[in-house]
Amino acid sequence: MKKVYISCYSNEHQKYKNTLLDYGKNKKLFLTNCSNEKDFDFLNTNNADDEIIKSVKLKILKDSDVSIFLIGKETSSRKIIDWELRASMINYGVLKNCGIIVVYLPEITDEFKEKIPRSVLPEILYKNISNPDCHIVETTWNRINKEVGHLEKLLNLALCYKDLSKYKIDKNIKIKNSSKYNMF
């Protein structure tokens, strides 16, 4: 059974995360590695950047096969999301990189409709989605909510893509939260 990590920025997005968790449990689709913001309190941002990411990989993502990122209006500004993304993209010892699924939440699709700008994404994700050597699955919450079986297809696709993806991880780790949208 697949192990899935679901990244969720705020309490207002928790309902989407809970829906995915319930669906996965009821359909016996995946097991989860979960966290909340307090789980990151052990990190010392004075440590070297790669030590922060390795710690997130070991203690938060653990042995996840796929990471799902719920993208709302504030997601790109959050340092923890940056860390989770970077940890999802690395191999560290026996812990392999994860397949990545991006889910645009209604607050994004309601505002931008079908023309979602890349500026709503965290920078590391934006750079890798634009890279032809990376295979990141994108969808909307409305599509997951409407189509029975869509999430399972996405999970299987992300799982296949994880070994094919050659993520590019720069050294620009986010140490503090920033403004709302990225300006690339």
N, C-alpha and C. Protein backbone atom coordinates (compact mmCIF):
# COMPACT_ATOMS: atom_id res chain seq x y z
N MET A 1 0.84 -1.18 0.00
CA MET A 1 0.00 0.00 0.00
C MET A 1 0.89 1.25 0.00
N LYS A 2 0.50 2.25 -0.78
CA LYS A 2 1.26 3.49 -0.89
C LYS A 2 1.26 4.26 0.42
N LYS A 3 2.37 4.95 0.69
CA LYS A 3 2.44 5.88 1.82
C LYS A 3 2.38 7.29 1.25
N VAL A 4 1.48 8.09 1.79
CA VAL A 4 1.24 9.43 1.25
C VAL A 4 1.42 10.47 2.35
N TYR A 5 2.07 11.56 1.98
CA TYR A 5 2.20 12.72 2.86
C TYR A 5 1.36 13.84 2.25
N ILE A 6 0.51 14.46 3.06
CA ILE A 6 -0.34 15.54 2.57
C ILE A 6 0.09 16.84 3.24
N SER A 7 0.54 17.78 2.42
CA SER A 7 0.98 19.09 2.91
C SER A 7 -0.19 20.06 2.87
N CYS A 8 -0.43 20.68 3.99
CA CYS A 8 -1.57 21.57 4.13
C CYS A 8 -1.13 22.78 4.92
N TYR A 9 -1.27 23.98 4.36
CA TYR A 9 -0.74 25.17 5.02
C TYR A 9 -1.56 25.62 6.22
N SER A 10 -2.84 25.81 6.08
CA SER A 10 -3.58 26.49 7.14
C SER A 10 -4.78 25.70 7.63
N ASN A 11 -5.32 26.15 8.74
CA ASN A 11 -6.51 25.51 9.31
C ASN A 11 -7.68 25.54 8.34
N GLU A 12 -7.78 26.60 7.55
CA GLU A 12 -8.89 26.68 6.60
C GLU A 12 -8.77 25.65 5.48
N HIS A 13 -7.59 25.11 5.27
CA HIS A 13 -7.39 24.06 4.27
C HIS A 13 -7.48 22.66 4.88
N GLN A 14 -7.59 22.59 6.18
CA GLN A 14 -7.62 21.30 6.88
C GLN A 14 -8.78 20.43 6.40
N LYS A 15 -9.90 21.05 6.05
CA LYS A 15 -11.06 20.26 5.60
C LYS A 15 -10.73 19.47 4.33
N TYR A 16 -9.92 20.03 3.45
CA TYR A 16 -9.52 19.32 2.24
C TYR A 16 -8.60 18.15 2.58
N LYS A 17 -7.68 18.41 3.47
CA LYS A 17 -6.78 17.34 3.92
C LYS A 17 -7.57 16.22 4.58
N ASN A 18 -8.52 16.58 5.45
CA ASN A 18 -9.34 15.57 6.13
C ASN A 18 -10.15 14.75 5.14
N THR A 19 -10.66 15.40 4.10
CA THR A 19 -11.42 14.68 3.07
C THR A 19 -10.53 13.65 2.37
N LEU A 20 -9.31 14.05 2.03
CA LEU A 20 -8.37 13.11 1.41
C LEU A 20 -8.02 11.96 2.35
N LEU A 21 -7.78 12.29 3.62
CA LEU A 21 -7.46 11.25 4.60
C LEU A 21 -8.60 10.26 4.74
N ASP A 22 -9.83 10.76 4.83
CA ASP A 22 -11.00 9.88 4.95
C ASP A 22 -11.17 9.01 3.71
N TYR A 23 -11.00 9.61 2.55
CA TYR A 23 -11.13 8.87 1.30
C TYR A 23 -10.09 7.76 1.22
N GLY A 24 -8.85 8.10 1.54
CA GLY A 24 -7.78 7.10 1.51
C GLY A 24 -8.02 5.96 2.47
N LYS A 25 -8.53 6.30 3.65
CA LYS A 25 -8.81 5.28 4.67
C LYS A 25 -9.99 4.40 4.25
N ASN A 26 -11.08 5.02 3.82
CA ASN A 26 -12.28 4.27 3.44
C ASN A 26 -12.05 3.36 2.24
N LYS A 27 -11.28 3.82 1.28
CA LYS A 27 -11.00 3.03 0.07
C LYS A 27 -9.78 2.12 0.23
N LYS A 28 -9.14 2.21 1.41
CA LYS A 28 -7.88 1.47 1.64
C LYS A 28 -6.89 1.76 0.51
N LEU A 29 -6.81 3.03 0.17
CA LEU A 29 -6.01 3.48 -0.96
C LEU A 29 -4.58 3.79 -0.57
N PHE A 30 -4.38 4.32 0.64
CA PHE A 30 -3.03 4.68 1.08
C PHE A 30 -2.98 4.81 2.60
N LEU A 31 -1.75 4.72 3.10
CA LEU A 31 -1.45 5.03 4.49
C LEU A 31 -0.86 6.43 4.50
N THR A 32 -0.98 7.13 5.61
CA THR A 32 -0.47 8.50 5.62
C THR A 32 0.61 8.73 6.67
N ASN A 33 1.50 9.62 6.31
CA ASN A 33 2.43 10.24 7.25
C ASN A 33 1.90 11.67 7.40
N CYS A 34 1.49 12.03 8.59
CA CYS A 34 0.87 13.34 8.81
C CYS A 34 1.73 14.21 9.71
N SER A 35 1.51 15.50 9.60
CA SER A 35 2.19 16.45 10.48
C SER A 35 1.34 17.69 10.62
N ASN A 36 1.73 18.52 11.57
CA ASN A 36 1.16 19.86 11.67
C ASN A 36 2.32 20.81 11.96
N GLU A 37 2.04 22.08 12.01
CA GLU A 37 3.12 23.07 12.13
C GLU A 37 3.98 22.86 13.36
N LYS A 38 3.40 22.39 14.44
CA LYS A 38 4.17 22.15 15.68
C LYS A 38 5.21 21.04 15.51
N ASP A 39 4.97 20.13 14.59
CA ASP A 39 5.92 19.04 14.34
C ASP A 39 7.25 19.55 13.80
N PHE A 40 7.27 20.79 13.34
CA PHE A 40 8.49 21.37 12.78
C PHE A 40 9.27 22.19 13.81
N ASP A 41 8.74 22.28 15.03
CA ASP A 41 9.39 23.09 16.06
C ASP A 41 10.79 22.61 16.42
N PHE A 42 11.08 21.34 16.19
CA PHE A 42 12.40 20.79 16.54
C PHE A 42 13.51 21.35 15.64
N LEU A 43 13.13 21.90 14.50
CA LEU A 43 14.13 22.37 13.54
C LEU A 43 14.78 23.66 14.00
N ASN A 44 16.06 23.73 13.82
CA ASN A 44 16.82 24.93 14.13
C ASN A 44 17.20 25.58 12.81
N THR A 45 16.62 26.73 12.51
CA THR A 45 16.90 27.36 11.21
C THR A 45 18.31 27.93 11.14
N ASN A 46 19.06 27.83 12.22
CA ASN A 46 20.47 28.21 12.18
C ASN A 46 21.34 27.07 11.63
N ASN A 47 20.76 25.87 11.54
CA ASN A 47 21.49 24.74 10.97
C ASN A 47 21.71 24.97 9.47
N ALA A 48 22.62 24.22 8.91
CA ALA A 48 22.85 24.29 7.47
C ALA A 48 21.57 23.90 6.74
N ASP A 49 21.35 24.51 5.58
CA ASP A 49 20.13 24.27 4.81
C ASP A 49 19.87 22.80 4.56
N ASP A 50 20.92 22.07 4.15
CA ASP A 50 20.71 20.65 3.84
C ASP A 50 20.37 19.85 5.10
N GLU A 51 20.81 20.29 6.26
CA GLU A 51 20.45 19.60 7.51
C GLU A 51 18.97 19.77 7.82
N ILE A 52 18.43 20.95 7.54
CA ILE A 52 16.99 21.18 7.74
C ILE A 52 16.20 20.23 6.86
N ILE A 53 16.55 20.15 5.60
CA ILE A 53 15.81 19.32 4.64
C ILE A 53 15.95 17.84 4.99
N LYS A 54 17.13 17.41 5.35
CA LYS A 54 17.33 16.00 5.76
C LYS A 54 16.50 15.68 6.99
N SER A 55 16.41 16.59 7.93
CA SER A 55 15.61 16.37 9.14
C SER A 55 14.13 16.25 8.80
N VAL A 56 13.65 17.08 7.89
CA VAL A 56 12.25 16.99 7.46
C VAL A 56 12.01 15.65 6.78
N LYS A 57 12.96 15.21 5.96
CA LYS A 57 12.83 13.91 5.28
C LYS A 57 12.74 12.78 6.30
N LEU A 58 13.65 12.78 7.26
CA LEU A 58 13.73 11.69 8.25
C LEU A 58 12.58 11.69 9.25
N LYS A 59 12.19 12.85 9.73
CA LYS A 59 11.26 12.92 10.86
C LYS A 59 9.82 13.27 10.47
N ILE A 60 9.62 13.85 9.31
CA ILE A 60 8.27 14.25 8.91
C ILE A 60 7.77 13.39 7.74
N LEU A 61 8.46 13.44 6.61
CA LEU A 61 8.00 12.68 5.44
C LEU A 61 8.26 11.18 5.59
N LYS A 62 9.32 10.85 6.26
CA LYS A 62 9.70 9.46 6.51
C LYS A 62 9.74 8.67 5.21
N ASP A 63 8.98 7.60 5.14
CA ASP A 63 9.03 6.69 3.98
C ASP A 63 7.89 6.93 3.00
N SER A 64 7.44 8.16 2.88
CA SER A 64 6.35 8.48 1.95
C SER A 64 6.76 8.19 0.51
N ASP A 65 5.80 7.67 -0.25
CA ASP A 65 6.00 7.41 -1.67
C ASP A 65 5.56 8.60 -2.52
N VAL A 66 4.50 9.26 -2.06
CA VAL A 66 3.90 10.38 -2.79
C VAL A 66 3.62 11.50 -1.80
N SER A 67 3.88 12.73 -2.23
CA SER A 67 3.51 13.92 -1.44
C SER A 67 2.45 14.69 -2.22
N ILE A 68 1.37 15.03 -1.53
CA ILE A 68 0.30 15.83 -2.11
C ILE A 68 0.39 17.24 -1.52
N PHE A 69 0.46 18.24 -2.38
CA PHE A 69 0.53 19.63 -1.93
C PHE A 69 -0.76 20.35 -2.29
N LEU A 70 -1.48 20.79 -1.26
CA LEU A 70 -2.71 21.54 -1.43
C LEU A 70 -2.33 23.01 -1.60
N ILE A 71 -2.62 23.56 -2.77
CA ILE A 71 -2.16 24.91 -3.11
C ILE A 71 -3.29 25.92 -2.96
N GLY A 72 -3.11 26.82 -1.99
CA GLY A 72 -4.03 27.93 -1.76
C GLY A 72 -3.31 29.24 -1.97
N LYS A 73 -3.94 30.33 -1.59
CA LYS A 73 -3.38 31.67 -1.84
C LYS A 73 -2.10 31.95 -1.07
N GLU A 74 -1.93 31.37 0.10
CA GLU A 74 -0.77 31.67 0.93
C GLU A 74 0.32 30.60 0.86
N THR A 75 0.07 29.52 0.16
CA THR A 75 0.99 28.38 0.15
C THR A 75 2.41 28.77 -0.26
N SER A 76 2.54 29.57 -1.29
CA SER A 76 3.87 29.89 -1.81
C SER A 76 4.73 30.68 -0.83
N SER A 77 4.11 31.30 0.14
CA SER A 77 4.85 32.16 1.06
C SER A 77 5.38 31.42 2.29
N ARG A 78 5.03 30.17 2.45
CA ARG A 78 5.32 29.44 3.69
C ARG A 78 6.63 28.65 3.62
N LYS A 79 7.49 28.89 4.59
CA LYS A 79 8.80 28.21 4.64
C LYS A 79 8.64 26.70 4.81
N ILE A 80 7.67 26.27 5.60
CA ILE A 80 7.50 24.83 5.85
C ILE A 80 7.13 24.10 4.56
N ILE A 81 6.32 24.72 3.71
CA ILE A 81 5.96 24.11 2.42
C ILE A 81 7.22 23.94 1.57
N ASP A 82 8.07 24.96 1.57
CA ASP A 82 9.34 24.88 0.84
C ASP A 82 10.16 23.70 1.35
N TRP A 83 10.24 23.54 2.65
CA TRP A 83 11.02 22.44 3.24
C TRP A 83 10.42 21.09 2.86
N GLU A 84 9.08 20.98 2.93
CA GLU A 84 8.42 19.71 2.58
C GLU A 84 8.66 19.37 1.11
N LEU A 85 8.59 20.36 0.25
CA LEU A 85 8.84 20.12 -1.17
C LEU A 85 10.26 19.63 -1.40
N ARG A 86 11.22 20.31 -0.82
CA ARG A 86 12.62 19.93 -0.98
C ARG A 86 12.86 18.52 -0.43
N ALA A 87 12.28 18.22 0.73
CA ALA A 87 12.43 16.89 1.31
C ALA A 87 11.77 15.83 0.43
N SER A 88 10.68 16.19 -0.24
CA SER A 88 10.02 15.26 -1.15
C SER A 88 10.87 14.97 -2.38
N MET A 89 11.72 15.91 -2.75
CA MET A 89 12.51 15.79 -3.98
C MET A 89 13.85 15.10 -3.80
N ILE A 90 14.28 14.87 -2.56
CA ILE A 90 15.61 14.29 -2.36
C ILE A 90 15.55 12.80 -2.06
N ASN A 91 16.65 12.14 -2.37
CA ASN A 91 16.93 10.80 -1.89
C ASN A 91 17.86 10.98 -0.70
N TYR A 92 17.57 10.28 0.38
CA TYR A 92 18.44 10.39 1.55
C TYR A 92 18.53 9.01 2.20
N GLY A 93 19.68 8.36 2.01
CA GLY A 93 19.83 6.99 2.52
C GLY A 93 18.84 6.08 1.83
N VAL A 94 18.10 5.31 2.62
CA VAL A 94 17.10 4.39 2.06
C VAL A 94 15.80 5.11 1.73
N LEU A 95 15.66 6.36 2.14
CA LEU A 95 14.45 7.13 1.87
C LEU A 95 14.56 7.78 0.49
N LYS A 96 13.68 7.36 -0.40
CA LYS A 96 13.72 7.83 -1.79
C LYS A 96 12.86 9.07 -1.98
N ASN A 97 13.09 9.75 -3.12
CA ASN A 97 12.27 10.90 -3.43
C ASN A 97 10.82 10.47 -3.63
N CYS A 98 9.93 11.42 -3.56
CA CYS A 98 8.49 11.15 -3.66
C CYS A 98 7.95 11.60 -5.01
N GLY A 99 6.90 10.93 -5.45
CA GLY A 99 6.11 11.48 -6.54
C GLY A 99 5.36 12.67 -5.96
N ILE A 100 5.08 13.66 -6.78
CA ILE A 100 4.45 14.88 -6.28
C ILE A 100 3.15 15.14 -7.03
N ILE A 101 2.10 15.43 -6.24
CA ILE A 101 0.81 15.83 -6.79
C ILE A 101 0.51 17.24 -6.27
N VAL A 102 0.17 18.13 -7.19
CA VAL A 102 -0.23 19.49 -6.86
C VAL A 102 -1.74 19.58 -7.03
N VAL A 103 -2.44 20.00 -5.97
CA VAL A 103 -3.89 20.15 -6.03
C VAL A 103 -4.23 21.63 -5.79
N TYR A 104 -4.76 22.28 -6.82
CA TYR A 104 -5.17 23.67 -6.70
C TYR A 104 -6.53 23.72 -6.01
N LEU A 105 -6.58 24.41 -4.88
CA LEU A 105 -7.80 24.49 -4.09
C LEU A 105 -8.78 25.51 -4.70
N PRO A 106 -10.06 25.43 -4.31
CA PRO A 106 -11.07 26.33 -4.88
C PRO A 106 -10.74 27.82 -4.77
N GLU A 107 -10.05 28.25 -3.72
CA GLU A 107 -9.72 29.68 -3.61
C GLU A 107 -8.80 30.12 -4.75
N ILE A 108 -8.07 29.19 -5.33
CA ILE A 108 -7.22 29.49 -6.49
C ILE A 108 -8.02 29.37 -7.78
N THR A 109 -8.74 28.27 -7.94
CA THR A 109 -9.48 28.07 -9.20
C THR A 109 -10.65 29.05 -9.33
N ASP A 110 -11.25 29.46 -8.22
CA ASP A 110 -12.32 30.46 -8.29
C ASP A 110 -11.79 31.80 -8.78
N GLU A 111 -10.58 32.14 -8.36
CA GLU A 111 -9.99 33.43 -8.76
C GLU A 111 -9.43 33.39 -10.17
N PHE A 112 -8.73 32.31 -10.52
CA PHE A 112 -8.00 32.28 -11.80
C PHE A 112 -8.63 31.40 -12.87
N LYS A 113 -9.64 30.66 -12.51
CA LYS A 113 -10.32 29.73 -13.44
C LYS A 113 -9.31 28.73 -14.02
N GLU A 114 -9.23 28.64 -15.33
CA GLU A 114 -8.34 27.68 -15.99
C GLU A 114 -6.93 28.21 -16.20
N LYS A 115 -6.72 29.49 -16.02
CA LYS A 115 -5.42 30.12 -16.29
C LYS A 115 -4.70 30.41 -14.98
N ILE A 116 -4.34 29.38 -14.27
CA ILE A 116 -3.67 29.53 -12.98
C ILE A 116 -2.22 29.94 -13.21
N PRO A 117 -1.81 31.10 -12.69
CA PRO A 117 -0.42 31.52 -12.89
C PRO A 117 0.53 30.71 -12.02
N ARG A 118 1.72 30.50 -12.53
CA ARG A 118 2.73 29.76 -11.77
C ARG A 118 3.14 30.50 -10.50
N SER A 119 2.86 31.77 -10.41
CA SER A 119 3.24 32.56 -9.24
C SER A 119 2.53 32.12 -7.96
N VAL A 120 1.48 31.31 -8.08
CA VAL A 120 0.81 30.80 -6.87
C VAL A 120 1.60 29.65 -6.25
N LEU A 121 2.58 29.13 -6.98
CA LEU A 121 3.37 27.99 -6.52
C LEU A 121 4.60 28.44 -5.74
N PRO A 122 5.04 27.63 -4.78
CA PRO A 122 6.34 27.88 -4.16
C PRO A 122 7.42 27.83 -5.24
N GLU A 123 8.46 28.63 -5.09
CA GLU A 123 9.48 28.78 -6.13
C GLU A 123 10.11 27.45 -6.55
N ILE A 124 10.46 26.61 -5.59
CA ILE A 124 11.11 25.32 -5.91
C ILE A 124 10.18 24.44 -6.75
N LEU A 125 8.89 24.52 -6.50
CA LEU A 125 7.91 23.75 -7.26
C LEU A 125 7.75 24.35 -8.66
N TYR A 126 7.65 25.65 -8.72
CA TYR A 126 7.54 26.34 -10.01
C TYR A 126 8.71 25.96 -10.93
N LYS A 127 9.91 26.00 -10.40
CA LYS A 127 11.10 25.69 -11.21
C LYS A 127 11.09 24.24 -11.70
N ASN A 128 10.61 23.33 -10.88
CA ASN A 128 10.61 21.92 -11.27
C ASN A 128 9.45 21.56 -12.20
N ILE A 129 8.30 22.19 -12.02
CA ILE A 129 7.19 21.95 -12.95
C ILE A 129 7.59 22.40 -14.35
N SER A 130 8.37 23.45 -14.43
CA SER A 130 8.82 23.99 -15.72
C SER A 130 9.94 23.16 -16.35
N ASN A 131 10.49 22.22 -15.61
CA ASN A 131 11.62 21.40 -16.06
C ASN A 131 11.10 20.15 -16.77
N PRO A 132 11.48 19.92 -18.03
CA PRO A 132 10.98 18.75 -18.75
C PRO A 132 11.46 17.41 -18.17
N ASP A 133 12.48 17.43 -17.33
CA ASP A 133 12.96 16.19 -16.70
C ASP A 133 12.20 15.85 -15.42
N CYS A 134 11.26 16.68 -15.05
CA CYS A 134 10.43 16.43 -13.86
C CYS A 134 9.01 16.13 -14.29
N HIS A 135 8.40 15.23 -13.59
CA HIS A 135 7.04 14.82 -13.91
C HIS A 135 6.19 14.99 -12.66
N ILE A 136 5.57 16.15 -12.56
CA ILE A 136 4.75 16.50 -11.41
C ILE A 136 3.30 16.53 -11.86
N VAL A 137 2.44 15.87 -11.12
CA VAL A 137 1.03 15.74 -11.47
C VAL A 137 0.27 16.95 -10.92
N GLU A 138 -0.54 17.59 -11.78
CA GLU A 138 -1.34 18.73 -11.37
C GLU A 138 -2.82 18.43 -11.58
N THR A 139 -3.65 18.91 -10.65
CA THR A 139 -5.09 18.77 -10.78
C THR A 139 -5.76 19.85 -9.94
N THR A 140 -7.07 19.86 -9.96
CA THR A 140 -7.82 20.79 -9.11
C THR A 140 -8.63 20.00 -8.09
N TRP A 141 -8.97 20.69 -7.01
CA TRP A 141 -9.80 20.05 -5.99
C TRP A 141 -11.14 19.66 -6.58
N ASN A 142 -11.70 20.52 -7.43
CA ASN A 142 -13.01 20.23 -8.02
C ASN A 142 -12.98 18.93 -8.82
N ARG A 143 -11.91 18.68 -9.52
CA ARG A 143 -11.81 17.44 -10.31
C ARG A 143 -11.73 16.21 -9.39
N ILE A 144 -10.93 16.30 -8.34
CA ILE A 144 -10.85 15.19 -7.38
C ILE A 144 -12.22 14.94 -6.75
N ASN A 145 -12.90 16.02 -6.43
CA ASN A 145 -14.19 15.93 -5.74
C ASN A 145 -15.29 15.38 -6.65
N LYS A 146 -15.20 15.63 -7.95
CA LYS A 146 -16.24 15.21 -8.90
C LYS A 146 -16.07 13.79 -9.41
N GLU A 147 -14.84 13.41 -9.68
CA GLU A 147 -14.58 12.14 -10.37
C GLU A 147 -14.14 11.05 -9.41
N VAL A 148 -15.00 10.08 -9.23
CA VAL A 148 -14.65 8.93 -8.40
C VAL A 148 -13.48 8.21 -9.07
N GLY A 149 -12.48 7.90 -8.32
CA GLY A 149 -11.33 7.19 -8.85
C GLY A 149 -10.23 8.10 -9.38
N HIS A 150 -10.49 9.40 -9.48
CA HIS A 150 -9.47 10.32 -10.01
C HIS A 150 -8.24 10.36 -9.10
N LEU A 151 -8.45 10.42 -7.81
CA LEU A 151 -7.33 10.47 -6.87
C LEU A 151 -6.46 9.22 -6.99
N GLU A 152 -7.09 8.07 -7.13
CA GLU A 152 -6.33 6.83 -7.26
C GLU A 152 -5.46 6.85 -8.53
N LYS A 153 -6.01 7.35 -9.62
CA LYS A 153 -5.24 7.47 -10.87
C LYS A 153 -4.05 8.40 -10.68
N LEU A 154 -4.29 9.52 -10.00
CA LEU A 154 -3.21 10.49 -9.76
C LEU A 154 -2.10 9.89 -8.90
N LEU A 155 -2.50 9.17 -7.87
CA LEU A 155 -1.51 8.53 -6.99
C LEU A 155 -0.65 7.54 -7.76
N ASN A 156 -1.29 6.72 -8.58
CA ASN A 156 -0.54 5.74 -9.38
C ASN A 156 0.39 6.42 -10.38
N LEU A 157 -0.09 7.50 -10.99
CA LEU A 157 0.73 8.24 -11.94
C LEU A 157 1.93 8.87 -11.24
N ALA A 158 1.70 9.51 -10.10
CA ALA A 158 2.79 10.14 -9.34
C ALA A 158 3.80 9.09 -8.88
N LEU A 159 3.32 7.93 -8.51
CA LEU A 159 4.20 6.85 -8.07
C LEU A 159 5.10 6.39 -9.23
N CYS A 160 4.53 6.29 -10.42
CA CYS A 160 5.34 5.92 -11.60
C CYS A 160 6.34 7.02 -11.95
N TYR A 161 5.93 8.27 -11.84
CA TYR A 161 6.78 9.40 -12.20
C TYR A 161 7.94 9.63 -11.24
N LYS A 162 7.81 9.20 -10.00
CA LYS A 162 8.83 9.54 -9.00
C LYS A 162 10.22 9.05 -9.40
N ASP A 163 10.31 7.88 -10.00
CA ASP A 163 11.61 7.35 -10.39
C ASP A 163 12.14 7.98 -11.68
N LEU A 164 11.25 8.57 -12.46
CA LEU A 164 11.65 9.21 -13.71
C LEU A 164 12.08 10.66 -13.52
N SER A 165 11.62 11.28 -12.45
CA SER A 165 11.86 12.71 -12.24
C SER A 165 13.28 12.99 -11.77
N LYS A 166 13.85 13.99 -12.38
CA LYS A 166 15.18 14.48 -11.98
C LYS A 166 14.98 15.89 -11.45
N TYR A 167 14.62 15.95 -10.17
CA TYR A 167 14.34 17.24 -9.55
C TYR A 167 15.61 18.08 -9.46
N LYS A 168 15.45 19.35 -9.68
CA LYS A 168 16.55 20.30 -9.53
C LYS A 168 16.31 21.08 -8.24
N ILE A 169 17.24 20.93 -7.32
CA ILE A 169 17.08 21.56 -6.01
C ILE A 169 18.16 22.61 -5.83
N ASP A 170 17.73 23.87 -5.83
CA ASP A 170 18.69 24.95 -5.65
C ASP A 170 18.98 25.15 -4.15
N LYS A 171 19.84 26.07 -3.86
CA LYS A 171 20.25 26.33 -2.47
C LYS A 171 19.44 27.46 -1.83
N ASN A 172 18.39 27.92 -2.49
CA ASN A 172 17.61 29.05 -1.98
C ASN A 172 16.51 28.60 -1.03
N ILE A 173 16.88 27.90 0.02
CA ILE A 173 15.89 27.43 0.99
C ILE A 173 15.25 28.62 1.70
N LYS A 174 13.96 28.52 1.91
CA LYS A 174 13.21 29.60 2.56
C LYS A 174 13.40 29.46 4.07
N ILE A 175 13.94 30.48 4.71
CA ILE A 175 14.19 30.46 6.15
C ILE A 175 13.08 31.17 6.92
N LYS A 176 12.38 32.09 6.25
CA LYS A 176 11.26 32.76 6.90
C LYS A 176 10.11 32.88 5.91
N ASN A 177 8.92 33.08 6.42
CA ASN A 177 7.75 33.24 5.57
C ASN A 177 7.87 34.56 4.81
N SER A 178 7.24 34.61 3.63
CA SER A 178 7.37 35.78 2.77
C SER A 178 6.00 36.31 2.35
N SER A 179 6.01 37.19 1.36
CA SER A 179 4.76 37.79 0.88
C SER A 179 3.92 36.77 0.11
N LYS A 180 2.72 37.16 -0.21
CA LYS A 180 1.69 36.28 -0.75
C LYS A 180 2.10 35.50 -2.00
N TYR A 181 2.43 36.15 -3.09
CA TYR A 181 2.76 35.44 -4.33
C TYR A 181 4.21 35.64 -4.69
N ASN A 182 4.78 34.66 -5.35
CA ASN A 182 6.14 34.79 -5.85
C ASN A 182 6.15 35.70 -7.07
N MET A 183 7.22 36.40 -7.24
CA MET A 183 7.39 37.24 -8.44
C MET A 183 8.60 36.70 -9.19
N PHE A 184 8.35 35.89 -10.22
CA PHE A 184 9.44 35.28 -10.97
C PHE A 184 9.80 36.13 -12.16
